[in-house]
């Protein structure tokens, strides 16, 4: 199937790179999946905060933490806690949902979007 559009081309290129460097290595695939979850969590916190129109300091006050904790949570390389994600969701009148989804042949996933 031929990809159309710029986004599809980027996804195809990313899939090719992942295939080349990760391939069928289960350890590398697990590491990649873990990093994707970290990126999605960071993006979720950022999107929810922005949608609520809050600064990191304002969100931290609502959650009962510091702005530096919010800043770290919004960084893709930070492995934040589930408890803190729940507190942030609750402070923004949201409920955090977790899903375990089947692993597909395709290795890329979209970044989580705040709804």
C-alpha atoms as a PDB file:
ATOM      1  CA  UNK A   1       0.000   0.000   0.000  1.00  0.00           C
ATOM      2  CA  UNK A   2       1.454   3.345  -1.053  1.00  0.00           C
ATOM      3  CA  UNK A   3       1.583   6.099   1.568  1.00  0.00           C
ATOM      4  CA  UNK A   4       0.044   9.422   0.670  1.00  0.00           C
ATOM      5  CA  UNK A   5       0.783  12.768   2.229  1.00  0.00           C
ATOM      6  CA  UNK A   6       3.645  14.114   4.257  1.00  0.00           C
ATOM      7  CA  UNK A   7       2.540  12.513   7.554  1.00  0.00           C
ATOM      8  CA  UNK A   8       2.269   9.070   5.982  1.00  0.00           C
ATOM      9  CA  UNK A   9       5.753   9.488   4.497  1.00  0.00           C
ATOM     10  CA  UNK A  10       7.190  10.374   7.907  1.00  0.00           C
ATOM     11  CA  UNK A  11       5.495   7.337   9.476  1.00  0.00           C
ATOM     12  CA  UNK A  12       6.818   5.077   6.729  1.00  0.00           C
ATOM     13  CA  UNK A  13      10.328   6.437   7.190  1.00  0.00           C
ATOM     14  CA  UNK A  14      10.062   6.011  10.952  1.00  0.00           C
ATOM     15  CA  UNK A  15       8.830   2.448  10.523  1.00  0.00           C
ATOM     16  CA  UNK A  16      11.792   1.709   8.268  1.00  0.00           C
ATOM     17  CA  UNK A  17      14.255   3.138  10.794  1.00  0.00           C
ATOM     18  CA  UNK A  18      12.657   1.201  13.610  1.00  0.00           C
ATOM     19  CA  UNK A  19      12.757  -1.948  11.513  1.00  0.00           C
ATOM     20  CA  UNK A  20      16.446  -1.382  10.784  1.00  0.00           C
ATOM     21  CA  UNK A  21      17.567  -0.593  14.328  1.00  0.00           C
ATOM     22  CA  UNK A  22      15.046  -2.554  16.414  1.00  0.00           C
ATOM     23  CA  UNK A  23      13.969  -5.319  14.070  1.00  0.00           C
ATOM     24  CA  UNK A  24      12.767  -8.418  15.861  1.00  0.00           C
ATOM     25  CA  UNK A  25      15.001  -7.875  18.899  1.00  0.00           C
ATOM     26  CA  UNK A  26      12.521  -8.241  21.773  1.00  0.00           C
ATOM     27  CA  UNK A  27      14.696  -6.356  24.259  1.00  0.00           C
ATOM     28  CA  UNK A  28      15.007  -3.350  21.948  1.00  0.00           C
ATOM     29  CA  UNK A  29      11.306  -3.518  21.073  1.00  0.00           C
ATOM     30  CA  UNK A  30      10.423  -3.475  24.791  1.00  0.00           C
ATOM     31  CA  UNK A  31      12.735  -0.510  25.339  1.00  0.00           C
ATOM     32  CA  UNK A  32      11.130   1.307  22.410  1.00  0.00           C
ATOM     33  CA  UNK A  33       7.618   0.600  23.709  1.00  0.00           C
ATOM     34  CA  UNK A  34       8.600   1.875  27.159  1.00  0.00           C
ATOM     35  CA  UNK A  35       9.948   5.093  25.677  1.00  0.00           C
ATOM     36  CA  UNK A  36       6.816   5.580  23.597  1.00  0.00           C
ATOM     37  CA  UNK A  37       4.707   5.300  26.758  1.00  0.00           C
ATOM     38  CA  UNK A  38       6.947   7.900  28.450  1.00  0.00           C
ATOM     39  CA  UNK A  39       6.500  10.246  25.486  1.00  0.00           C
ATOM     40  CA  UNK A  40       2.727   9.731  25.485  1.00  0.00           C
ATOM     41  CA  UNK A  41       2.499  10.405  29.245  1.00  0.00           C
ATOM     42  CA  UNK A  42       4.571  13.587  28.932  1.00  0.00           C
ATOM     43  CA  UNK A  43       2.458  14.767  26.003  1.00  0.00           C
ATOM     44  CA  UNK A  44      -0.749  13.988  27.909  1.00  0.00           C
ATOM     45  CA  UNK A  45       0.291  16.113  30.900  1.00  0.00           C
ATOM     46  CA  UNK A  46       1.324  18.956  28.600  1.00  0.00           C
ATOM     47  CA  UNK A  47      -1.869  18.789  26.519  1.00  0.00           C
ATOM     48  CA  UNK A  48      -4.141  18.668  29.576  1.00  0.00           C
ATOM     49  CA  UNK A  49      -2.346  21.611  31.184  1.00  0.00           C
ATOM     50  CA  UNK A  50      -2.470  23.705  28.024  1.00  0.00           C
ATOM     51  CA  UNK A  51      -6.128  22.856  27.410  1.00  0.00           C
ATOM     52  CA  UNK A  52      -6.906  24.013  30.952  1.00  0.00           C
ATOM     53  CA  UNK A  53      -5.014  27.249  30.247  1.00  0.00           C
ATOM     54  CA  UNK A  54      -2.651  26.757  33.170  1.00  0.00           C
ATOM     55  CA  UNK A  55       1.036  27.442  33.644  1.00  0.00           C
ATOM     56  CA  UNK A  56       3.190  24.731  35.177  1.00  0.00           C
ATOM     57  CA  UNK A  57       3.160  26.701  38.437  1.00  0.00           C
ATOM     58  CA  UNK A  58      -0.647  26.995  38.420  1.00  0.00           C
ATOM     59  CA  UNK A  59      -1.117  23.283  37.744  1.00  0.00           C
ATOM     60  CA  UNK A  60       1.397  22.422  40.457  1.00  0.00           C
ATOM     61  CA  UNK A  61      -0.599  24.494  42.963  1.00  0.00           C
ATOM     62  CA  UNK A  62      -3.836  22.689  42.010  1.00  0.00           C
ATOM     63  CA  UNK A  63      -2.107  19.307  42.358  1.00  0.00           C
ATOM     64  CA  UNK A  64      -0.220  20.159  45.548  1.00  0.00           C
ATOM     65  CA  UNK A  65       3.276  19.822  44.156  1.00  0.00           C
ATOM     66  CA  UNK A  66       5.961  22.047  42.681  1.00  0.00           C
ATOM     67  CA  UNK A  67       6.330  23.459  39.188  1.00  0.00           C
ATOM     68  CA  UNK A  68       9.577  21.501  38.804  1.00  0.00           C
ATOM     69  CA  UNK A  69       7.649  18.220  39.221  1.00  0.00           C
ATOM     70  CA  UNK A  70       5.213  19.279  36.472  1.00  0.00           C
ATOM     71  CA  UNK A  71       8.150  20.333  34.292  1.00  0.00           C
ATOM     72  CA  UNK A  72       9.829  16.927  34.722  1.00  0.00           C
ATOM     73  CA  UNK A  73       6.564  15.113  33.955  1.00  0.00           C
ATOM     74  CA  UNK A  74       6.317  17.021  30.682  1.00  0.00           C
ATOM     75  CA  UNK A  75       9.768  15.798  29.622  1.00  0.00           C
ATOM     76  CA  UNK A  76       9.712  12.606  27.576  1.00  0.00           C
ATOM     77  CA  UNK A  77      12.723  11.115  29.349  1.00  0.00           C
ATOM     78  CA  UNK A  78      11.175  11.347  32.829  1.00  0.00           C
ATOM     79  CA  UNK A  79       9.589   8.218  34.229  1.00  0.00           C
ATOM     80  CA  UNK A  80       6.871   9.788  36.336  1.00  0.00           C
ATOM     81  CA  UNK A  81       4.596   8.023  38.733  1.00  0.00           C
ATOM     82  CA  UNK A  82       1.105   6.801  38.033  1.00  0.00           C
ATOM     83  CA  UNK A  83      -0.019   8.368  41.316  1.00  0.00           C
ATOM     84  CA  UNK A  84       1.082  11.813  40.127  1.00  0.00           C
ATOM     85  CA  UNK A  85      -0.672  11.344  36.784  1.00  0.00           C
ATOM     86  CA  UNK A  86      -3.856  10.500  38.706  1.00  0.00           C
ATOM     87  CA  UNK A  87      -3.474  13.619  40.850  1.00  0.00           C
ATOM     88  CA  UNK A  88      -3.013  15.798  37.768  1.00  0.00           C
ATOM     89  CA  UNK A  89      -6.026  14.259  36.035  1.00  0.00           C
ATOM     90  CA  UNK A  90      -8.149  14.744  39.159  1.00  0.00           C
ATOM     91  CA  UNK A  91      -7.038  18.357  39.584  1.00  0.00           C
ATOM     92  CA  UNK A  92      -8.190  19.002  36.018  1.00  0.00           C
ATOM     93  CA  UNK A  93     -11.501  17.186  36.539  1.00  0.00           C
ATOM     94  CA  UNK A  94     -10.394  14.202  34.471  1.00  0.00           C
ATOM     95  CA  UNK A  95     -10.200  10.481  35.121  1.00  0.00           C
ATOM     96  CA  UNK A  96      -7.060   8.658  34.099  1.00  0.00           C
ATOM     97  CA  UNK A  97      -7.639   5.507  32.045  1.00  0.00           C
ATOM     98  CA  UNK A  98      -5.011   2.919  31.291  1.00  0.00           C
ATOM     99  CA  UNK A  99      -5.265   0.384  28.501  1.00  0.00           C
ATOM    100  CA  UNK A 100      -3.330  -2.680  27.560  1.00  0.00           C
ATOM    101  CA  UNK A 101      -3.568  -3.071  23.814  1.00  0.00           C
ATOM    102  CA  UNK A 102      -2.444  -5.933  21.599  1.00  0.00           C
ATOM    103  CA  UNK A 103       0.990  -5.533  20.105  1.00  0.00           C
ATOM    104  CA  UNK A 104       0.644  -4.993  16.382  1.00  0.00           C
ATOM    105  CA  UNK A 105       3.157  -5.537  13.622  1.00  0.00           C
ATOM    106  CA  UNK A 106       3.364  -1.771  13.177  1.00  0.00           C
ATOM    107  CA  UNK A 107       5.757  -0.342  15.749  1.00  0.00           C
ATOM    108  CA  UNK A 108       4.768   3.335  15.808  1.00  0.00           C
ATOM    109  CA  UNK A 109       1.861   4.776  17.685  1.00  0.00           C
ATOM    110  CA  UNK A 110       0.308   8.210  17.761  1.00  0.00           C
ATOM    111  CA  UNK A 111       1.008  10.492  20.677  1.00  0.00           C
ATOM    112  CA  UNK A 112      -1.778  10.557  23.261  1.00  0.00           C
ATOM    113  CA  UNK A 113      -4.155  13.464  22.884  1.00  0.00           C
ATOM    114  CA  UNK A 114      -6.102  15.075  25.691  1.00  0.00           C
ATOM    115  CA  UNK A 115      -9.824  14.733  25.086  1.00  0.00           C
END
